[in-house]
C-alpha atoms as a PDB file:
ATOM      1  CA  MET A   1     -38.227 110.967  93.227  1.00  0.00           C
ATOM      2  CA  PHE A   2     -36.049 113.363  95.364  1.00  0.00           C
ATOM      3  CA  LYS A   3     -34.089 112.076  98.119  1.00  0.00           C
ATOM      4  CA  PHE A   4     -31.348 113.250 100.529  1.00  0.00           C
ATOM      5  CA  GLU A   5     -28.408 111.294  99.150  1.00  0.00           C
ATOM      6  CA  THR A   6     -24.417 112.331  98.968  1.00  0.00           C
ATOM      7  CA  VAL A   7     -22.809 111.980  95.653  1.00  0.00           C
ATOM      8  CA  GLU A   8     -20.920 109.717  94.505  1.00  0.00           C
ATOM      9  CA  HIS A   9     -18.396 112.373  92.049  1.00  0.00           C
ATOM     10  CA  ASP A  10     -15.344 113.629  93.982  1.00  0.00           C
ATOM     11  CA  SER A  11     -14.621 117.079  93.625  1.00  0.00           C
ATOM     12  CA  ILE A  12     -13.371 120.272  95.781  1.00  0.00           C
ATOM     13  CA  PHE A  13     -17.009 120.047  97.584  1.00  0.00           C
ATOM     14  CA  THR A  14     -16.229 116.636  98.835  1.00  0.00           C
ATOM     15  CA  ARG A  15     -13.652 117.287 100.651  1.00  0.00           C
ATOM     16  CA  LEU A  16     -14.552 120.599 102.301  1.00  0.00           C
ATOM     17  CA  ASP A  17     -15.748 120.088 106.269  1.00  0.00           C
ATOM     18  CA  PHE A  18     -19.170 120.796 106.803  1.00  0.00           C
ATOM     19  CA  ARG A  19     -18.518 123.739 108.792  1.00  0.00           C
ATOM     20  CA  THR A  20     -16.624 125.469 105.823  1.00  0.00           C
ATOM     21  CA  LYS A  21     -19.936 124.487 103.402  1.00  0.00           C
ATOM     22  CA  LEU A  22     -21.928 126.407 106.644  1.00  0.00           C
ATOM     23  CA  VAL A  23     -20.332 129.606 105.976  1.00  0.00           C
ATOM     24  CA  MET A  24     -20.668 129.376 102.281  1.00  0.00           C
ATOM     25  CA  ILE A  25     -24.813 128.578 102.921  1.00  0.00           C
ATOM     26  CA  VAL A  26     -25.098 131.845 105.486  1.00  0.00           C
ATOM     27  CA  VAL A  27     -22.346 134.168 102.958  1.00  0.00           C
ATOM     28  CA  ILE A  28     -24.665 133.269  99.797  1.00  0.00           C
ATOM     29  CA  THR A  29     -28.071 133.089 102.166  1.00  0.00           C
ATOM     30  CA  ILE A  30     -27.015 136.689 102.685  1.00  0.00           C
ATOM     31  CA  ILE A  31     -26.100 137.874  99.409  1.00  0.00           C
ATOM     32  CA  ALA A  32     -29.255 136.476  98.054  1.00  0.00           C
ATOM     33  CA  PHE A  33     -31.335 138.652 100.350  1.00  0.00           C
ATOM     34  CA  VAL A  34     -28.881 142.114 100.105  1.00  0.00           C
ATOM     35  CA  TRP A  35     -28.948 141.743  95.932  1.00  0.00           C
ATOM     36  CA  GLU A  36     -32.660 143.173  94.503  1.00  0.00           C
ATOM     37  CA  SER A  37     -31.349 143.494  90.932  1.00  0.00           C
ATOM     38  CA  PRO A  38     -31.610 140.489  88.815  1.00  0.00           C
ATOM     39  CA  ILE A  39     -28.856 140.734  86.736  1.00  0.00           C
ATOM     40  CA  THR A  40     -26.751 139.679  89.824  1.00  0.00           C
ATOM     41  CA  GLY A  41     -29.213 137.827  91.460  1.00  0.00           C
ATOM     42  CA  GLY A  42     -29.131 135.702  88.106  1.00  0.00           C
ATOM     43  CA  LEU A  43     -25.624 135.439  87.886  1.00  0.00           C
ATOM     44  CA  LEU A  44     -25.679 134.094  91.409  1.00  0.00           C
ATOM     45  CA  THR A  45     -28.499 131.819  90.875  1.00  0.00           C
ATOM     46  CA  LEU A  46     -26.609 130.156  87.362  1.00  0.00           C
ATOM     47  CA  SER A  47     -23.332 130.143  89.619  1.00  0.00           C
ATOM     48  CA  VAL A  48     -24.408 128.160  92.528  1.00  0.00           C
ATOM     49  CA  ALA A  49     -26.068 125.565  89.427  1.00  0.00           C
ATOM     50  CA  ALA A  50     -23.172 125.177  87.887  1.00  0.00           C
ATOM     51  CA  ALA A  51     -21.076 124.941  91.674  1.00  0.00           C
ATOM     52  CA  CYS A  52     -23.921 121.459  91.758  1.00  0.00           C
ATOM     53  CA  LEU A  53     -23.827 120.348  88.689  1.00  0.00           C
ATOM     54  CA  LEU A  54     -19.357 120.797  89.391  1.00  0.00           C
ATOM     55  CA  ALA A  55     -20.128 119.079  92.556  1.00  0.00           C
ATOM     56  CA  GLY A  56     -21.876 115.871  91.286  1.00  0.00           C
ATOM     57  CA  ILE A  57     -25.362 116.473  91.769  1.00  0.00           C
ATOM     58  CA  ARG A  58     -27.956 115.132  89.164  1.00  0.00           C
ATOM     59  CA  LEU A  59     -29.091 117.426  86.233  1.00  0.00           C
ATOM     60  CA  GLN A  60     -32.564 115.307  86.794  1.00  0.00           C
ATOM     61  CA  TYR A  61     -32.793 116.842  90.607  1.00  0.00           C
ATOM     62  CA  LEU A  62     -31.767 120.850  89.505  1.00  0.00           C
ATOM     63  CA  GLY A  63     -34.744 119.852  86.477  1.00  0.00           C
ATOM     64  CA  LEU A  64     -37.132 118.720  89.038  1.00  0.00           C
ATOM     65  CA  VAL A  65     -36.750 121.656  91.717  1.00  0.00           C
ATOM     66  CA  LEU A  66     -37.657 123.809  88.260  1.00  0.00           C
ATOM     67  CA  LYS A  67     -40.309 121.372  87.581  1.00  0.00           C
ATOM     68  CA  ILE A  68     -41.731 121.666  91.406  1.00  0.00           C
ATOM     69  CA  MET A  69     -41.354 125.719  91.529  1.00  0.00           C
ATOM     70  CA  VAL A  70     -43.099 126.717  87.917  1.00  0.00           C
ATOM     71  CA  PRO A  71     -46.154 127.036  89.585  1.00  0.00           C
ATOM     72  CA  PHE A  72     -45.044 128.726  91.730  1.00  0.00           C
ATOM     73  CA  TYR A  73     -43.453 131.478  89.606  1.00  0.00           C
ATOM     74  CA  ILE A  74     -45.750 131.773  87.563  1.00  0.00           C
ATOM     75  CA  PHE A  75     -48.000 132.770  90.505  1.00  0.00           C
ATOM     76  CA  LEU A  76     -45.429 135.097  91.305  1.00  0.00           C
ATOM     77  CA  LEU A  77     -44.833 137.108  88.516  1.00  0.00           C
ATOM     78  CA  ILE A  78     -48.688 137.581  87.411  1.00  0.00           C
ATOM     79  CA  THR A  79     -48.889 138.701  91.281  1.00  0.00           C
ATOM     80  CA  MET A  80     -46.118 140.856  91.294  1.00  0.00           C
ATOM     81  CA  GLY A  81     -46.421 141.799  87.766  1.00  0.00           C
ATOM     82  CA  PHE A  82     -50.035 143.387  88.656  1.00  0.00           C
ATOM     83  CA  PHE A  83     -49.925 144.404  92.237  1.00  0.00           C
ATOM     84  CA  ASN A  84     -46.624 145.538  93.684  1.00  0.00           C
ATOM     85  CA  ILE A  85     -46.865 148.885  92.943  1.00  0.00           C
ATOM     86  CA  ASN A  86     -45.842 150.860  95.466  1.00  0.00           C
ATOM     87  CA  GLN A  87     -42.811 148.616  96.472  1.00  0.00           C
ATOM     88  CA  VAL A  88     -41.765 149.039  92.945  1.00  0.00           C
ATOM     89  CA  LYS A  89     -41.865 152.965  92.976  1.00  0.00           C
ATOM     90  CA  THR A  90     -39.841 153.103  96.550  1.00  0.00           C
ATOM     91  CA  LEU A  91     -37.317 151.303  95.590  1.00  0.00           C
ATOM     92  CA  ILE A  92     -36.934 153.231  92.030  1.00  0.00           C
ATOM     93  CA  SER A  93     -37.737 156.609  94.139  1.00  0.00           C
ATOM     94  CA  GLN A  94     -34.666 155.560  96.424  1.00  0.00           C
ATOM     95  CA  ALA A  95     -32.399 155.080  94.065  1.00  0.00           C
ATOM     96  CA  THR A  96     -32.886 157.702  91.343  1.00  0.00           C
ATOM     97  CA  SER A  97     -34.093 160.280  93.801  1.00  0.00           C
ATOM     98  CA  ILE A  98     -37.324 161.069  91.651  1.00  0.00           C
ATOM     99  CA  PRO A  99     -40.774 161.665  94.066  1.00  0.00           C
ATOM    100  CA  LEU A 100     -42.914 159.305  94.130  1.00  0.00           C
ATOM    101  CA  GLU A 101     -45.899 160.980  92.324  1.00  0.00           C
ATOM    102  CA  GLN A 102     -43.903 161.879  89.191  1.00  0.00           C
ATOM    103  CA  LEU A 103     -43.090 158.377  89.312  1.00  0.00           C
ATOM    104  CA  LYS A 104     -44.544 156.038  85.933  1.00  0.00           C
ATOM    105  CA  LEU A 105     -44.324 152.494  85.547  1.00  0.00           C
ATOM    106  CA  THR A 106     -43.560 150.653  82.182  1.00  0.00           C
ATOM    107  CA  ILE A 107     -47.307 149.196  81.225  1.00  0.00           C
ATOM    108  CA  LEU A 108     -46.777 145.516  79.367  1.00  0.00           C
ATOM    109  CA  LEU A 109     -50.261 144.611  79.623  1.00  0.00           C
ATOM    110  CA  SER A 110     -53.941 146.518  80.978  1.00  0.00           C
ATOM    111  CA  ILE A 111     -57.281 144.602  81.743  1.00  0.00           C
ATOM    112  CA  PRO A 112     -60.456 146.364  80.580  1.00  0.00           C
ATOM    113  CA  LYS A 113     -61.758 148.364  83.680  1.00  0.00           C
ATOM    114  CA  THR A 114     -64.999 146.719  82.765  1.00  0.00           C
ATOM    115  CA  TRP A 115     -63.719 143.098  84.143  1.00  0.00           C
ATOM    116  CA  PHE A 116     -65.174 142.081  87.207  1.00  0.00           C
ATOM    117  CA  TRP A 117     -62.638 142.826  90.549  1.00  0.00           C
ATOM    118  CA  VAL A 118     -59.440 142.864  88.281  1.00  0.00           C
ATOM    119  CA  GLY A 119     -60.598 145.321  85.709  1.00  0.00           C
ATOM    120  CA  GLY A 120     -58.211 148.589  85.602  1.00  0.00           C
ATOM    121  CA  ALA A 121     -55.107 146.367  86.818  1.00  0.00           C
ATOM    122  CA  SER A 122     -52.238 146.666  84.438  1.00  0.00           C
ATOM    123  CA  MET A 123     -48.831 144.679  84.809  1.00  0.00           C
ATOM    124  CA  SER A 124     -45.683 146.465  84.729  1.00  0.00           C
ATOM    125  CA  LEU A 125     -42.477 145.952  83.182  1.00  0.00           C
ATOM    126  CA  GLU A 126     -41.198 146.888  87.170  1.00  0.00           C
ATOM    127  CA  GLY A 127     -43.159 144.336  88.700  1.00  0.00           C
ATOM    128  CA  ILE A 128     -41.895 141.609  85.917  1.00  0.00           C
ATOM    129  CA  ILE A 129     -38.384 143.053  87.035  1.00  0.00           C
ATOM    130  CA  TYR A 130     -38.952 142.421  91.056  1.00  0.00           C
ATOM    131  CA  ALA A 131     -40.793 139.149  90.709  1.00  0.00           C
ATOM    132  CA  LEU A 132     -37.361 137.580  88.748  1.00  0.00           C
ATOM    133  CA  ASN A 133     -35.267 138.536  91.560  1.00  0.00           C
ATOM    134  CA  ILE A 134     -37.448 136.762  93.888  1.00  0.00           C
ATOM    135  CA  ILE A 135     -37.477 134.127  91.760  1.00  0.00           C
ATOM    136  CA  PHE A 136     -33.909 134.245  92.032  1.00  0.00           C
ATOM    137  CA  LYS A 137     -33.308 134.395  95.138  1.00  0.00           C
ATOM    138  CA  THR A 138     -35.246 131.377  96.224  1.00  0.00           C
ATOM    139  CA  LEU A 139     -33.586 129.519  93.611  1.00  0.00           C
ATOM    140  CA  THR A 140     -30.409 130.037  94.944  1.00  0.00           C
ATOM    141  CA  MET A 141     -30.945 129.853  98.494  1.00  0.00           C
ATOM    142  CA  ILE A 142     -32.646 126.560  97.376  1.00  0.00           C
ATOM    143  CA  LEU A 143     -29.760 125.072  95.722  1.00  0.00           C
ATOM    144  CA  VAL A 144     -27.049 125.775  97.626  1.00  0.00           C
ATOM    145  CA  ILE A 145     -28.575 123.630 100.935  1.00  0.00           C
ATOM    146  CA  PRO A 146     -28.187 120.316  98.754  1.00  0.00           C
ATOM    147  CA  LEU A 147     -25.246 122.081  97.267  1.00  0.00           C
ATOM    148  CA  ALA A 148     -23.982 121.729 100.928  1.00  0.00           C
ATOM    149  CA  ILE A 149     -25.694 118.597 102.062  1.00  0.00           C
ATOM    150  CA  PHE A 150     -25.177 116.000  99.293  1.00  0.00           C
ATOM    151  CA  THR A 151     -22.016 116.560  99.471  1.00  0.00           C
ATOM    152  CA  THR A 152     -21.074 115.565 102.971  1.00  0.00           C
ATOM    153  CA  ASP A 153     -21.847 112.186 104.503  1.00  0.00           C
ATOM    154  CA  ILE A 154     -23.907 111.926 107.454  1.00  0.00           C
ATOM    155  CA  ASN A 155     -21.406 111.355 110.156  1.00  0.00           C
ATOM    156  CA  GLN A 156     -19.552 113.829 108.821  1.00  0.00           C
ATOM    157  CA  MET A 157     -22.042 116.743 109.214  1.00  0.00           C
ATOM    158  CA  VAL A 158     -22.826 115.606 112.639  1.00  0.00           C
ATOM    159  CA  VAL A 159     -19.599 115.951 114.006  1.00  0.00           C
ATOM    160  CA  GLY A 160     -19.097 119.328 111.855  1.00  0.00           C
ATOM    161  CA  MET A 161     -22.559 121.026 113.241  1.00  0.00           C
ATOM    162  CA  VAL A 162     -20.906 119.651 117.085  1.00  0.00           C
ATOM    163  CA  ARG A 163     -17.529 121.541 116.322  1.00  0.00           C
ATOM    164  CA  ALA A 164     -19.607 124.337 114.886  1.00  0.00           C
ATOM    165  CA  LYS A 165     -20.567 124.829 118.556  1.00  0.00           C
ATOM    166  CA  ILE A 166     -24.542 124.160 117.487  1.00  0.00           C
ATOM    167  CA  PRO A 167     -26.673 122.068 120.256  1.00  0.00           C
ATOM    168  CA  TYR A 168     -26.311 118.619 119.804  1.00  0.00           C
ATOM    169  CA  LYS A 169     -30.051 118.074 120.575  1.00  0.00           C
ATOM    170  CA  ILE A 170     -30.881 120.050 117.243  1.00  0.00           C
ATOM    171  CA  VAL A 171     -28.088 118.030 115.480  1.00  0.00           C
ATOM    172  CA  PHE A 172     -29.300 114.923 116.214  1.00  0.00           C
ATOM    173  CA  ILE A 173     -32.857 116.188 114.869  1.00  0.00           C
ATOM    174  CA  PHE A 174     -31.405 117.315 112.057  1.00  0.00           C
ATOM    175  CA  SER A 175     -29.492 113.937 111.363  1.00  0.00           C
ATOM    176  CA  SER A 176     -32.774 112.044 112.318  1.00  0.00           C
ATOM    177  CA  THR A 177     -34.356 113.533 109.847  1.00  0.00           C
ATOM    178  CA  LEU A 178     -32.051 112.961 106.640  1.00  0.00           C
ATOM    179  CA  ARG A 179     -32.121 109.106 107.788  1.00  0.00           C
ATOM    180  CA  PHE A 180     -35.557 109.461 108.024  1.00  0.00           C
ATOM    181  CA  PHE A 181     -36.744 110.871 105.238  1.00  0.00           C
ATOM    182  CA  PRO A 182     -35.257 108.580 102.238  1.00  0.00           C
ATOM    183  CA  LEU A 183     -37.536 105.661 104.389  1.00  0.00           C
ATOM    184  CA  LEU A 184     -40.563 107.858 104.119  1.00  0.00           C
ATOM    185  CA  LEU A 185     -40.303 108.185 100.060  1.00  0.00           C
ATOM    186  CA  GLU A 186     -39.487 104.340 100.092  1.00  0.00           C
ATOM    187  CA  GLU A 187     -42.876 103.288 101.803  1.00  0.00           C
ATOM    188  CA  ILE A 188     -44.482 106.057  99.779  1.00  0.00           C
ATOM    189  CA  GLU A 189     -43.086 103.896  96.499  1.00  0.00           C
ATOM    190  CA  THR A 190     -44.199 100.753  98.436  1.00  0.00           C
ATOM    191  CA  ILE A 191     -47.746 101.789  98.754  1.00  0.00           C
ATOM    192  CA  ILE A 192     -47.716 103.196  95.443  1.00  0.00           C
ATOM    193  CA  GLU A 193     -46.707 100.209  93.930  1.00  0.00           C
ATOM    194  CA  ALA A 194     -49.170  98.288  95.798  1.00  0.00           C
ATOM    195  CA  GLN A 195     -52.007 100.064  94.257  1.00  0.00           C
ATOM    196  CA  ARG A 196     -50.764  99.586  90.889  1.00  0.00           C
ATOM    197  CA  LEU A 197     -50.832  95.923  91.407  1.00  0.00           C
ATOM    198  CA  ARG A 198     -54.351  96.329  92.190  1.00  0.00           C
ATOM    199  CA  GLY A 199     -54.911  97.596  89.073  1.00  0.00           C
ATOM    200  CA  ILE A 200     -55.379 101.549  89.649  1.00  0.00           C
ATOM    201  CA  ALA A 201     -53.535 102.996  86.349  1.00  0.00           C
ATOM    202  CA  LEU A 202     -52.157 105.965  87.305  1.00  0.00           C
ATOM    203  CA  GLU A 203     -50.424 106.991  84.222  1.00  0.00           C
ATOM    204  CA  LYS A 204     -54.161 106.676  82.739  1.00  0.00           C
ATOM    205  CA  MET A 205     -55.409 109.018  85.171  1.00  0.00           C
ATOM    206  CA  GLY A 206     -56.624 112.523  85.028  1.00  0.00           C
ATOM    207  CA  LEU A 207     -55.118 115.241  87.683  1.00  0.00           C
ATOM    208  CA  ILE A 208     -58.175 115.244  89.994  1.00  0.00           C
ATOM    209  CA  ARG A 209     -58.571 111.147  90.356  1.00  0.00           C
ATOM    210  CA  LYS A 210     -54.791 111.379  90.343  1.00  0.00           C
ATOM    211  CA  VAL A 211     -54.860 113.626  93.467  1.00  0.00           C
ATOM    212  CA  LYS A 212     -57.272 111.360  95.102  1.00  0.00           C
ATOM    213  CA  VAL A 213     -55.077 108.419  94.278  1.00  0.00           C
ATOM    214  CA  TYR A 214     -52.205 109.784  96.836  1.00  0.00           C
ATOM    215  CA  SER A 215     -54.163 111.619  98.989  1.00  0.00           C
ATOM    216  CA  THR A 216     -55.200 107.999  99.853  1.00  0.00           C
ATOM    217  CA  VAL A 217     -51.588 107.594 100.831  1.00  0.00           C
ATOM    218  CA  ALA A 218     -51.162 109.956 104.047  1.00  0.00           C
ATOM    219  CA  VAL A 219     -53.441 107.786 106.416  1.00  0.00           C
ATOM    220  CA  PRO A 220     -50.662 104.681 106.694  1.00  0.00           C
ATOM    221  CA  LEU A 221     -47.379 106.736 105.912  1.00  0.00           C
ATOM    222  CA  ILE A 222     -48.971 108.926 109.073  1.00  0.00           C
ATOM    223  CA  LEU A 223     -49.599 105.783 110.758  1.00  0.00           C
ATOM    224  CA  ASN A 224     -46.167 104.150 109.751  1.00  0.00           C
ATOM    225  CA  ALA A 225     -43.987 107.281 110.649  1.00  0.00           C
ATOM    226  CA  MET A 226     -45.691 107.562 114.235  1.00  0.00           C
ATOM    227  CA  THR A 227     -44.456 104.149 114.850  1.00  0.00           C
ATOM    228  CA  LYS A 228     -41.336 104.264 113.757  1.00  0.00           C
ATOM    229  CA  SER A 229     -41.038 107.140 116.108  1.00  0.00           C
ATOM    230  CA  GLN A 230     -42.007 105.729 118.913  1.00  0.00           C
ATOM    231  CA  LYS A 231     -40.027 102.893 118.527  1.00  0.00           C
ATOM    232  CA  LEU A 232     -36.827 105.477 117.879  1.00  0.00           C
ATOM    233  CA  GLU A 233     -38.255 107.091 121.113  1.00  0.00           C
ATOM    234  CA  ILE A 234     -37.966 103.827 123.494  1.00  0.00           C
ATOM    235  CA  VAL A 235     -34.502 103.468 121.519  1.00  0.00           C
ATOM    236  CA  LEU A 236     -33.464 106.370 122.786  1.00  0.00           C
ATOM    237  CA  GLN A 237     -34.649 105.931 126.254  1.00  0.00           C
ATOM    238  CA  SER A 238     -33.342 102.609 126.676  1.00  0.00           C
ATOM    239  CA  LYS A 239     -29.604 104.498 125.628  1.00  0.00           C
ATOM    240  CA  ALA A 240     -30.192 107.076 128.076  1.00  0.00           C
ATOM    241  CA  PHE A 241     -30.225 109.756 125.291  1.00  0.00           C
ATOM    242  CA  SER A 242     -29.138 112.990 127.544  1.00  0.00           C
ATOM    243  CA  GLY A 243     -28.429 115.352 124.176  1.00  0.00           C
ATOM    244  CA  SER A 244     -25.588 116.096 125.745  1.00  0.00           C
ATOM    245  CA  SER A 245     -22.396 117.328 123.046  1.00  0.00           C
ATOM    246  CA  LYS A 246     -19.911 115.761 125.739  1.00  0.00           C
ATOM    247  CA  ARG A 247     -19.019 112.068 123.760  1.00  0.00           C
ATOM    248  CA  THR A 248     -16.569 110.156 121.963  1.00  0.00           C
ATOM    249  CA  TYR A 249     -17.324 110.580 117.946  1.00  0.00           C
ATOM    250  CA  LEU A 250     -16.180 107.170 115.567  1.00  0.00           C
ATOM    251  CA  HIS A 251     -15.190 110.550 113.288  1.00  0.00           C
ATOM    252  CA  GLU A 252     -13.480 113.311 113.142  1.00  0.00           C
ATOM    253  CA  SER A 253     -13.905 116.848 111.527  1.00  0.00           C
ATOM    254  CA  LEU A 254     -10.650 118.891 110.987  1.00  0.00           C
ATOM    255  CA  LEU A 255     -10.118 121.895 109.182  1.00  0.00           C
ATOM    256  CA  GLY A 256      -7.918 122.089 106.250  1.00  0.00           C
ATOM    257  CA  LYS A 257      -5.738 124.213 104.189  1.00  0.00           C
ATOM    258  CA  ASN A 258      -8.334 124.234 101.537  1.00  0.00           C
ATOM    259  CA  ASP A 259     -11.345 124.963 104.465  1.00  0.00           C
ATOM    260  CA  TYR A 260      -9.398 127.996 105.626  1.00  0.00           C
ATOM    261  CA  LEU A 261      -8.719 129.549 101.680  1.00  0.00           C
ATOM    262  CA  THR A 262     -12.935 128.964 100.668  1.00  0.00           C
ATOM    263  CA  ILE A 263     -13.833 130.465 104.422  1.00  0.00           C
ATOM    264  CA  THR A 264     -11.482 133.396 104.017  1.00  0.00           C
ATOM    265  CA  PHE A 265     -12.592 134.067  99.973  1.00  0.00           C
ATOM    266  CA  PHE A 266     -16.221 133.730 101.153  1.00  0.00           C
ATOM    267  CA  ILE A 267     -15.992 136.218 103.826  1.00  0.00           C
ATOM    268  CA  VAL A 268     -14.247 138.488 101.213  1.00  0.00           C
ATOM    269  CA  LEU A 269     -16.648 138.052  98.949  1.00  0.00           C
ATOM    270  CA  LEU A 270     -19.525 139.315 101.140  1.00  0.00           C
ATOM    271  CA  ILE A 271     -17.207 142.107 102.371  1.00  0.00           C
ATOM    272  CA  LEU A 272     -16.969 143.355  98.494  1.00  0.00           C
ATOM    273  CA  VAL A 273     -20.503 142.247  97.975  1.00  0.00           C
ATOM    274  CA  MET A 274     -21.804 145.127 100.681  1.00  0.00           C
ATOM    275  CA  PHE A 275     -18.761 147.401  99.791  1.00  0.00           C
ATOM    276  CA  PHE A 276     -20.264 147.957  95.959  1.00  0.00           C
ATOM    277  CA  TYR A 277     -24.036 147.810  96.825  1.00  0.00           C
ATOM    278  CA  PHE A 278     -23.754 150.362  99.325  1.00  0.00           C
ATOM    279  CA  ILE A 279     -20.639 152.599  97.524  1.00  0.00           C
ATOM    280  CA  PHE A 280     -21.332 151.726  93.715  1.00  0.00           C
ATOM    281  CA  GLY A 281     -24.963 150.257  94.184  1.00  0.00           C
ATOM    282  CA  VAL A 282     -23.936 147.509  92.427  1.00  0.00           C
ATOM    283  CA  GLY A 283     -27.059 145.053  93.000  1.00  0.00           C
ATOM    284  CA  LYS A 284     -29.741 146.739  93.948  1.00  0.00           C
ATOM    285  CA  PHE A 285     -33.075 147.053  91.738  1.00  0.00           C
ATOM    286  CA  THR A 286     -32.037 150.094  89.527  1.00  0.00           C
ATOM    287  CA  TRP A 287     -28.613 149.113  88.750  1.00  0.00           C
ATOM    288  CA  LEU A 288     -28.337 148.605  84.688  1.00  0.00           C
ATOM    289  CA  ILE A 289     -32.008 148.675  84.685  1.00  0.00           C
ATOM    290  CA  TYR A 290     -33.465 151.862  85.197  1.00  0.00           C
ATOM    291  CA  SER A 291     -31.921 155.554  84.936  1.00  0.00           C
END
């Protein structure tokens, strides 16, 4: 089951300061948004996935992410392939200077006009290519977050975010969420295990019945979460929590040589990506695909 955790594998990512990883997240996210080509987007996704494996993030986690996102991606391919016509034509027209009215998309599949509601719709190759780019964008942003969070101790994360001038109240909410989330998952497992002990065989149930059983977990889970949040509020009030960042910290956050080199690398990478994108068209929708 998915959970926030610190990887045990020692790598270059575990030795970096969290501020450096914040720069990495921002730069990779900007690049993912800028690139419109599934070729460059796919290479970026593969690079981030390889970095996750290098950092010690389990392959099972990556597989779980794909398993969860597959239904959304299938829906995306279908909708973009059939209905994303004007936007695709606009991107192609901007890159090739071909008037919109003269552009014709590559049709892969056509639905008979006699079909109800969707009759006459056509799936285009360009729409599929655009959908693939969106898929790679989302995967990149999904994978870069655990690459930073899973390789950083929560205490170091808090100090690093404070040193980055992020308001302490936001930092506290973020860190509390990371600590609170695994507790909720443990409670879900406890509730489901209690249902199994009462004779409910989830493995033998169909999808609809299984959804109904899992929906019953929501009520006790919400009640327990509210109880814990109330206790946390009482503890914070008793300790006169003010949300001020002017306090002492047990852990320290220092930028080392590797941090400065990594920050420089990502800044230079962003500049190069923008230069080649706007000057040579590298990463645009039509790059190496449409001529």
